[in-house]
Amino acid sequence: MDPLDIVGNLSNIKPAYQPVFSAVKHDIIGYEVLGRIDHEGVWKSLGGFFQDSQVPDEFKLEVDTHILSIAIEDIMKHDDKKLLFINRNAKELMVEDGETFIEALQPFVERGFSLNRIVLEITEHDFDEDFESLNHLLLYYKTYGIQIAVDNVGAKSSNLDRLRQLEPHILKVDSKVLRDNDSSGYQDIIYSLSMLARRIGAALLFENIEDSFQLYYAWKHGGRFYQGFYLGEPSYHFLDPFEKEFLIKDQVNSFIRREKGVIEKRLEFVLKWDQCLRELLVHWDGPKRADSFLDKVTSNFNFESFRMYICDSNGKQISSNFRQRNDEWIKEPEILGTNWAFRPYFLENMMQMKIWNKGRLSDLYSDIETREMVRTFSFPLSDHHFIFIDIRYDFIYENESLLM
């Protein structure tokens, strides 16, 4: 439609509401407000209008303000305390130094509407604008209690520094990216975002959830809020807050059962390897005979491991590398004396093994040498010496519990 036809027919425009669900109580905590226009008897999305860079920002602002006013009126009549998620782009917000947005909200504040129920969504793409001015404006909005959400994080290589500086309340992750991207690379992005969210106190909201797998992914990766057609399509009225409670609760219970099974199986491997090494401890005769001890260990890990070695409590390697090649264990004495204490968590893991006197299994990580995803099982031989057994990728791949 022609932008002038849209701006000139505000009476044919109204908001649609897509519910946002909580991972805590499985209820609706708010609605994203989406624009719709009646075109020849058919309600159509205004997404194209708002995304068109050729449409003047003043036009978009006028339509957005109209939709926002109706949405707040609706939710106040409904006597609901739910949140309203409002989409705005940076240029639109910058009109008249951002005061237009506050002025549009002020009449409702005077009638008792609390601005902490507004979640203002901007996209990560908006960071390409004048970020400093945008950051100052959003800080100003925060003083009114308005919450900030950043949309489409993870769709590109996220600018984590700017996200950290902005400190939004919510990070919105697009679940569609799961289908469109290399899963291992996307896993790394999600991990980084979840760590950042924890550091800045932000919640993760997974949107565009269209099936059970995407809901599982959101749940497993710490999503506090869920949104998507699988749970609720946009509609022109507000729903019963617990309309999808049984669906979400049933799905989450199945996720929990599955996750417990995976964890239990993984711990069985840890206990098995721990017991194996405890039985072999009778052969441990100190650091001078470290290679001799490894000679006795290797045959017990023919299927699981491709490399093992022993370090002291300062991270210095006191044995050769024992590496499996063509079903034979080969010694690599040239590695003797190297120090691995620089690796993240290395010293902390050794201290935990020393204090708790039990083996530990690392998270999945990419081995620097082989570039394959591996895990390392480590075990205390004494208070000052520790064995490290690298688990081969093909064994991990064959055992789902080690992949997760």
Foldseek 3Di string as FASTA:
>chain_A
DPLVVCLVPLVQKEWWWFFKAFPPQRFTQATETFMWGQDVNDTDGCVVVQPDPPRDLVSVLSSLLSHVVRVLVQCVVVVDLHAYEGEDEPVNCPVVHNVVVVVSCVVVVVVPDQQLSYEYEYEQVSCVPVLVSSLVSVVVSVVSNHFYEYAQQLVDQGPLVSCLSSLGQEYEHELVVCVVDDNVVSVVSLVVVLVSCVVSVHAYEYEQDDDLVSVLVCVVSRHRMYTHVNQTDIGDHDDDRCPCVVVSVVSVVVSVVVLVVLQVVVVVVQVVVFVVVVVLLVVDDDLVCQQVSVVVVCVVCLPWFAWKFKDWLQQFTSAFIFGADPSDTDTHRVSHGDGDNVDPCPNVLLQCCLVVQGKDKAAWDQDPVPRATWIWIKGDSHNTMIMITITDRVVCVVRVSNVD
